[in-house]
C-alpha cells in the first residue's frame, strides 16, 4: 500500500505550536506519521519561515527551542531543490499571486503528488493545481 504524502505549510506548523484552531488536525497527522500511516513533510522554506517568525516575535532563544522541537517531530524536512522543483516553483510564482516561499512549498506539493495542510488564503488560488487541506483560515491584518 502506497503511503499518503502530507506537506505542512508554515501556517500549519504555527497553528500546532500556537494552539490555534486547527491544531487537532495537525496533531492527527503527526500521530499518523509516527505510526507510519502517512509520510509527513516540511519544506526547508517552511522551516526557515517558522524560525524567523519565532525569532522576530519571541526572540532568538525561543526560536532556537521551538526549532529544536520542530526537528524532533515525526516529519521529514524536504531539502532538495533540484531543477524540476525550481521550474515548477517559477511557473507557479509567475502564474499566481503567491509569495516566493509559498511557490517553493506548492512546487513540492505538486511534484510529490501530496496534499498541503495550510491556513493561508494565498494558497486558495492554487486549488486547481494542488491538493489542499485547509485549516480554519487566518485573518490577514489590514
Protein backbone atom coordinates (compact mmCIF):
# COMPACT_ATOMS: atom_id res chain seq x y z
CA UNK A 1 0.00 0.00 0.00
CA UNK A 2 1.40 3.37 -1.02
CA UNK A 3 1.81 5.95 1.73
CA UNK A 4 -0.23 9.12 1.73
CA UNK A 5 2.01 12.19 1.47
CA UNK A 6 1.19 15.29 3.51
CA UNK A 7 3.17 18.54 3.49
CA UNK A 8 2.84 21.10 6.27
CA UNK A 9 2.92 24.78 5.39
CA UNK A 10 4.42 27.29 7.81
CA UNK A 11 0.91 28.33 8.83
CA UNK A 12 0.05 24.74 9.82
CA UNK A 13 3.25 24.42 11.85
CA UNK A 14 2.48 27.69 13.65
CA UNK A 15 -1.09 26.51 14.26
CA UNK A 16 0.29 23.48 16.08
CA UNK A 17 2.82 25.42 18.16
CA UNK A 18 0.48 28.31 18.97
CA UNK A 19 -2.51 26.10 19.82
CA UNK A 20 -4.68 27.81 17.22
CA UNK A 21 -7.88 26.47 15.73
CA UNK A 22 -6.85 23.53 13.54
CA UNK A 23 -4.16 22.25 15.94
CA UNK A 24 -6.06 18.97 16.41
CA UNK A 25 -5.86 18.25 12.67
CA UNK A 26 -2.09 18.80 12.65
CA UNK A 27 -1.74 16.59 15.76
CA UNK A 28 -3.64 13.80 13.98
CA UNK A 29 -1.22 13.96 11.05
CA UNK A 30 1.73 13.82 13.47
CA UNK A 31 0.26 10.72 15.14
CA UNK A 32 -0.34 9.07 11.75
CA UNK A 33 3.22 9.89 10.71
CA UNK A 34 4.67 8.44 13.93
CA UNK A 35 2.79 5.19 13.24
CA UNK A 36 3.93 5.22 9.57
CA UNK A 37 0.37 5.54 8.22
CA UNK A 38 1.38 8.62 6.22
CA UNK A 39 4.53 10.38 5.10
CA UNK A 40 4.69 13.85 6.65
CA UNK A 41 6.99 16.55 5.27
CA UNK A 42 8.08 20.11 5.96
CA UNK A 43 9.79 22.00 3.13
CA UNK A 44 13.03 23.71 4.14
CA UNK A 45 11.50 27.09 3.31
CA UNK A 46 8.69 26.47 5.83
CA UNK A 47 11.25 25.53 8.49
CA UNK A 48 13.15 28.76 7.79
CA UNK A 49 9.95 30.82 7.94
CA UNK A 50 8.98 29.12 11.22
CA UNK A 51 12.37 30.02 12.69
CA UNK A 52 12.42 33.67 11.67
CA UNK A 53 8.78 34.27 12.66
CA UNK A 54 9.55 32.93 16.14
CA UNK A 55 12.83 34.88 16.26
CA UNK A 56 11.06 38.14 15.38
CA UNK A 57 8.12 37.63 17.73
CA UNK A 58 9.70 35.86 20.70
CA UNK A 59 13.47 36.22 20.43
CA UNK A 60 16.39 34.02 19.48
CA UNK A 61 16.31 31.68 22.49
CA UNK A 62 12.65 30.78 21.97
CA UNK A 63 13.20 30.45 18.22
CA UNK A 64 16.06 28.00 18.86
CA UNK A 65 13.98 25.99 21.35
CA UNK A 66 10.96 25.82 19.07
CA UNK A 67 13.10 24.90 16.07
CA UNK A 68 14.62 22.02 18.05
CA UNK A 69 11.10 20.91 18.98
CA UNK A 70 10.06 21.09 15.32
CA UNK A 71 13.02 18.96 14.26
CA UNK A 72 12.09 16.34 16.88
CA UNK A 73 8.61 15.81 15.41
CA UNK A 74 7.91 12.79 13.16
CA UNK A 75 8.42 14.80 9.96
CA UNK A 76 10.97 14.79 7.19
CA UNK A 77 12.42 18.09 6.03
CA UNK A 78 12.42 18.41 2.24
CA UNK A 79 15.85 19.85 1.45
CA UNK A 80 16.19 19.11 -2.26
CA UNK A 81 15.69 21.91 -4.74
CA UNK A 82 16.50 20.11 -7.97
CA UNK A 83 15.71 21.55 -11.39
CA UNK A 84 12.12 20.24 -11.65
CA UNK A 85 11.27 21.97 -8.34
CA UNK A 86 12.89 25.21 -9.49
CA UNK A 87 10.94 25.19 -12.74
CA UNK A 88 7.65 24.31 -11.06
CA UNK A 89 8.13 26.96 -8.35
CA UNK A 90 8.95 29.53 -11.03
CA UNK A 91 5.88 28.57 -13.06
CA UNK A 92 3.60 28.86 -10.03
CA UNK A 93 5.13 32.18 -8.93
CA UNK A 94 4.74 33.59 -12.45
CA UNK A 95 1.15 32.38 -12.77
CA UNK A 96 -0.37 33.11 -9.36
CA UNK A 97 -0.30 35.91 -6.77
CA UNK A 98 1.72 33.95 -4.20
CA UNK A 99 4.94 34.60 -2.32
CA UNK A 100 8.25 33.07 -3.32
CA UNK A 101 8.23 30.78 -0.24
CA UNK A 102 4.68 29.65 -1.00
CA UNK A 103 5.68 28.91 -4.60
CA UNK A 104 8.51 26.66 -3.35
CA UNK A 105 6.19 24.85 -0.95
CA UNK A 106 3.50 24.44 -3.62
CA UNK A 107 6.09 23.05 -6.06
CA UNK A 108 6.90 20.28 -3.57
CA UNK A 109 3.21 19.53 -3.14
CA UNK A 110 2.67 19.42 -6.90
CA UNK A 111 5.68 17.27 -7.80
CA UNK A 112 5.33 14.89 -4.84
CA UNK A 113 1.59 14.45 -5.55
CA UNK A 114 0.98 15.34 -1.91
CA UNK A 115 -1.64 17.32 -0.02
CA UNK A 116 -0.82 20.67 1.59
CA UNK A 117 -2.06 21.42 5.11
CA UNK A 118 -2.34 25.19 5.49
CA UNK A 119 -4.39 28.12 6.73
CA UNK A 120 -3.04 30.72 4.30
CA UNK A 121 -5.62 32.28 1.94
CA UNK A 122 -2.89 32.74 -0.72
CA UNK A 123 -2.97 29.02 -1.43
CA UNK A 124 -6.65 29.07 -2.36
CA UNK A 125 -5.69 30.45 -5.78
CA UNK A 126 -3.87 27.14 -6.37
CA UNK A 127 -6.86 24.87 -5.72
CA UNK A 128 -6.82 23.65 -9.35
CA UNK A 129 -3.06 22.94 -9.21
CA UNK A 130 -2.50 21.18 -5.88
CA UNK A 131 -4.39 19.21 -3.23
CA UNK A 132 -5.30 21.43 -0.28
CA UNK A 133 -6.31 20.57 3.26
CA UNK A 134 -7.42 23.95 4.55
CA UNK A 135 -7.42 24.63 8.28
CA UNK A 136 -9.59 27.49 9.58
CA UNK A 137 -8.12 30.43 7.68
CA UNK A 138 -6.03 33.07 9.39
CA UNK A 139 -7.15 36.67 9.24
CA UNK A 140 -4.82 38.99 7.37
CA UNK A 141 -4.08 42.25 9.14
CA UNK A 142 -5.01 45.32 7.14
